[in-house]
Amino acid sequence: MPKVSKKKMPVFVAGQKWQMERGHAEIVQVGKTLVQYKFLKTGMIRGPIEMKSIPNFAEAMRSNKARLVV
């Protein structure tokens, strides 16, 4: 039986910033199943607070090739 490797989901903590090509996401709060974050495009000072489930947020960070800044 071939081994199936699962990628580990990153640990999200309030205050983290994830840098992407179009801007960055700043995590505001992490709950049991949801992540509240601000997505700020380059040059923006403020952005709306958005919410996603933790697996969906992790997939979005992976697909946008985000890297942890702080």
N, C-alpha and C. Protein backbone atom coordinates (compact mmCIF):
# COMPACT_ATOMS: atom_id res chain seq x y z
N MET A 1 0.84 -1.17 0.00
CA MET A 1 0.00 0.00 0.00
C MET A 1 0.89 1.25 0.00
N PRO A 2 0.71 2.17 -0.96
CA PRO A 2 1.57 3.36 -1.00
C PRO A 2 1.22 4.32 0.12
N LYS A 3 2.26 4.97 0.60
CA LYS A 3 2.06 5.95 1.66
C LYS A 3 1.51 7.24 1.07
N VAL A 4 0.53 7.78 1.75
CA VAL A 4 -0.06 9.06 1.34
C VAL A 4 0.43 10.11 2.31
N SER A 5 1.15 11.08 1.81
CA SER A 5 1.67 12.11 2.70
C SER A 5 0.66 13.25 2.79
N LYS A 6 0.34 13.62 4.00
CA LYS A 6 -0.55 14.74 4.23
C LYS A 6 0.29 15.94 4.62
N LYS A 7 -0.04 17.08 4.02
CA LYS A 7 0.67 18.28 4.41
C LYS A 7 0.09 18.78 5.72
N LYS A 8 0.97 19.18 6.61
CA LYS A 8 0.51 19.71 7.88
C LYS A 8 -0.12 21.08 7.66
N MET A 9 -1.20 21.31 8.40
CA MET A 9 -1.83 22.62 8.34
C MET A 9 -1.03 23.55 9.25
N PRO A 10 -0.72 24.75 8.79
CA PRO A 10 0.04 25.67 9.64
C PRO A 10 -0.76 26.07 10.87
N VAL A 11 -0.06 26.43 11.92
CA VAL A 11 -0.70 26.90 13.15
C VAL A 11 -0.92 28.40 13.01
N PHE A 12 -2.15 28.82 13.13
CA PHE A 12 -2.48 30.23 13.01
C PHE A 12 -2.65 30.84 14.40
N VAL A 13 -2.05 32.02 14.60
CA VAL A 13 -2.10 32.72 15.88
C VAL A 13 -2.44 34.18 15.59
N ALA A 14 -3.22 34.77 16.48
CA ALA A 14 -3.59 36.18 16.32
C ALA A 14 -2.32 37.04 16.24
N GLY A 15 -2.32 37.98 15.31
CA GLY A 15 -1.17 38.87 15.13
C GLY A 15 -0.23 38.48 14.01
N GLN A 16 -0.37 37.26 13.48
CA GLN A 16 0.51 36.83 12.39
C GLN A 16 0.18 37.60 11.12
N LYS A 17 1.21 37.85 10.31
CA LYS A 17 1.02 38.46 9.00
C LYS A 17 1.56 37.50 7.95
N TRP A 18 0.73 37.25 6.94
CA TRP A 18 1.10 36.36 5.85
C TRP A 18 1.23 37.20 4.59
N GLN A 19 2.43 37.27 4.02
CA GLN A 19 2.72 38.07 2.83
C GLN A 19 2.40 37.28 1.57
N MET A 20 1.68 37.93 0.65
CA MET A 20 1.35 37.35 -0.64
C MET A 20 1.74 38.34 -1.73
N GLU A 21 1.56 37.95 -2.95
CA GLU A 21 1.94 38.81 -4.07
C GLU A 21 1.10 40.09 -4.12
N ARG A 22 -0.22 39.96 -3.87
CA ARG A 22 -1.12 41.11 -3.98
C ARG A 22 -1.22 41.94 -2.72
N GLY A 23 -0.71 41.49 -1.60
CA GLY A 23 -0.82 42.21 -0.33
C GLY A 23 -0.48 41.27 0.82
N HIS A 24 -1.15 41.47 1.96
CA HIS A 24 -0.92 40.56 3.08
C HIS A 24 -2.20 40.38 3.89
N ALA A 25 -2.25 39.26 4.60
CA ALA A 25 -3.37 38.94 5.48
C ALA A 25 -2.85 39.00 6.91
N GLU A 26 -3.57 39.74 7.76
CA GLU A 26 -3.22 39.85 9.17
C GLU A 26 -4.30 39.15 9.98
N ILE A 27 -3.92 38.16 10.76
CA ILE A 27 -4.88 37.39 11.55
C ILE A 27 -5.29 38.20 12.77
N VAL A 28 -6.59 38.38 12.93
CA VAL A 28 -7.13 39.14 14.05
C VAL A 28 -7.47 38.22 15.22
N GLN A 29 -8.17 37.12 14.93
CA GLN A 29 -8.59 36.20 15.98
C GLN A 29 -8.73 34.80 15.40
N VAL A 30 -8.39 33.80 16.22
CA VAL A 30 -8.53 32.40 15.81
C VAL A 30 -9.44 31.70 16.81
N GLY A 31 -10.47 31.05 16.29
CA GLY A 31 -11.39 30.29 17.14
C GLY A 31 -11.20 28.81 16.92
N LYS A 32 -12.19 28.02 17.34
CA LYS A 32 -12.11 26.56 17.16
C LYS A 32 -12.13 26.18 15.69
N THR A 33 -13.00 26.84 14.91
CA THR A 33 -13.15 26.45 13.51
C THR A 33 -12.96 27.60 12.54
N LEU A 34 -12.92 28.85 13.02
CA LEU A 34 -12.86 30.01 12.12
C LEU A 34 -11.64 30.88 12.39
N VAL A 35 -11.23 31.59 11.35
CA VAL A 35 -10.15 32.57 11.44
C VAL A 35 -10.71 33.91 10.98
N GLN A 36 -10.53 34.95 11.80
CA GLN A 36 -10.89 36.30 11.39
C GLN A 36 -9.60 36.98 10.97
N TYR A 37 -9.63 37.62 9.81
CA TYR A 37 -8.41 38.23 9.30
C TYR A 37 -8.74 39.49 8.50
N LYS A 38 -7.73 40.34 8.34
CA LYS A 38 -7.82 41.51 7.48
C LYS A 38 -6.95 41.24 6.27
N PHE A 39 -7.50 41.42 5.08
CA PHE A 39 -6.68 41.31 3.88
C PHE A 39 -6.41 42.71 3.38
N LEU A 40 -5.16 43.10 3.39
CA LEU A 40 -4.77 44.45 2.98
C LEU A 40 -3.96 44.36 1.69
N LYS A 41 -4.47 45.00 0.66
CA LYS A 41 -3.72 45.06 -0.59
C LYS A 41 -2.58 46.05 -0.41
N THR A 42 -1.57 45.96 -1.23
CA THR A 42 -0.41 46.83 -1.13
C THR A 42 -0.85 48.28 -1.21
N GLY A 43 -0.44 49.08 -0.23
CA GLY A 43 -0.76 50.50 -0.20
C GLY A 43 -1.98 50.85 0.63
N MET A 44 -2.74 49.86 1.08
CA MET A 44 -3.93 50.11 1.91
C MET A 44 -3.52 50.26 3.36
N ILE A 45 -4.24 51.12 4.09
CA ILE A 45 -3.99 51.29 5.52
C ILE A 45 -4.95 50.41 6.33
N ARG A 46 -6.23 50.38 5.92
CA ARG A 46 -7.22 49.59 6.62
C ARG A 46 -7.97 48.71 5.64
N GLY A 47 -8.47 47.62 6.14
CA GLY A 47 -9.27 46.73 5.31
C GLY A 47 -10.35 46.09 6.16
N PRO A 48 -11.38 45.54 5.52
CA PRO A 48 -12.46 44.91 6.29
C PRO A 48 -11.99 43.61 6.94
N ILE A 49 -12.62 43.26 8.06
CA ILE A 49 -12.33 41.99 8.71
C ILE A 49 -13.17 40.93 8.02
N GLU A 50 -12.51 39.87 7.59
CA GLU A 50 -13.17 38.77 6.90
C GLU A 50 -13.03 37.51 7.74
N MET A 51 -13.82 36.49 7.43
CA MET A 51 -13.82 35.26 8.19
C MET A 51 -13.84 34.06 7.26
N LYS A 52 -13.03 33.06 7.58
CA LYS A 52 -13.01 31.79 6.83
C LYS A 52 -12.80 30.66 7.82
N SER A 53 -13.16 29.46 7.39
CA SER A 53 -12.84 28.30 8.21
C SER A 53 -11.33 28.08 8.15
N ILE A 54 -10.80 27.45 9.16
CA ILE A 54 -9.34 27.25 9.24
C ILE A 54 -8.81 26.47 8.05
N PRO A 55 -9.44 25.35 7.64
CA PRO A 55 -8.93 24.63 6.46
C PRO A 55 -9.00 25.47 5.17
N ASN A 56 -10.07 26.25 5.00
CA ASN A 56 -10.17 27.10 3.80
C ASN A 56 -9.12 28.20 3.81
N PHE A 57 -8.85 28.78 4.98
CA PHE A 57 -7.83 29.83 5.09
C PHE A 57 -6.45 29.24 4.79
N ALA A 58 -6.19 28.04 5.30
CA ALA A 58 -4.89 27.38 5.05
C ALA A 58 -4.73 27.10 3.56
N GLU A 59 -5.79 26.65 2.90
CA GLU A 59 -5.73 26.38 1.46
C GLU A 59 -5.51 27.67 0.67
N ALA A 60 -6.15 28.76 1.10
CA ALA A 60 -5.96 30.05 0.43
C ALA A 60 -4.51 30.53 0.57
N MET A 61 -3.93 30.34 1.75
CA MET A 61 -2.53 30.75 1.96
C MET A 61 -1.61 29.88 1.11
N ARG A 62 -1.90 28.60 1.02
CA ARG A 62 -1.07 27.68 0.22
C ARG A 62 -1.17 28.01 -1.27
N SER A 63 -2.39 28.26 -1.75
CA SER A 63 -2.56 28.52 -3.19
C SER A 63 -1.99 29.88 -3.61
N ASN A 64 -1.94 30.84 -2.68
CA ASN A 64 -1.37 32.16 -2.99
C ASN A 64 0.11 32.24 -2.66
N LYS A 65 0.69 31.11 -2.26
CA LYS A 65 2.12 31.03 -1.93
C LYS A 65 2.50 32.06 -0.87
N ALA A 66 1.67 32.14 0.16
CA ALA A 66 1.91 33.09 1.25
C ALA A 66 3.06 32.61 2.12
N ARG A 67 3.77 33.57 2.66
CA ARG A 67 4.85 33.23 3.60
C ARG A 67 4.65 34.04 4.87
N LEU A 68 4.97 33.45 5.99
CA LEU A 68 4.78 34.09 7.29
C LEU A 68 5.82 35.16 7.49
N VAL A 69 5.36 36.39 7.83
CA VAL A 69 6.27 37.51 8.04
C VAL A 69 6.50 37.70 9.53
N VAL A 70 5.43 37.82 10.30
CA VAL A 70 5.56 38.03 11.76
C VAL A 70 4.68 37.05 12.47
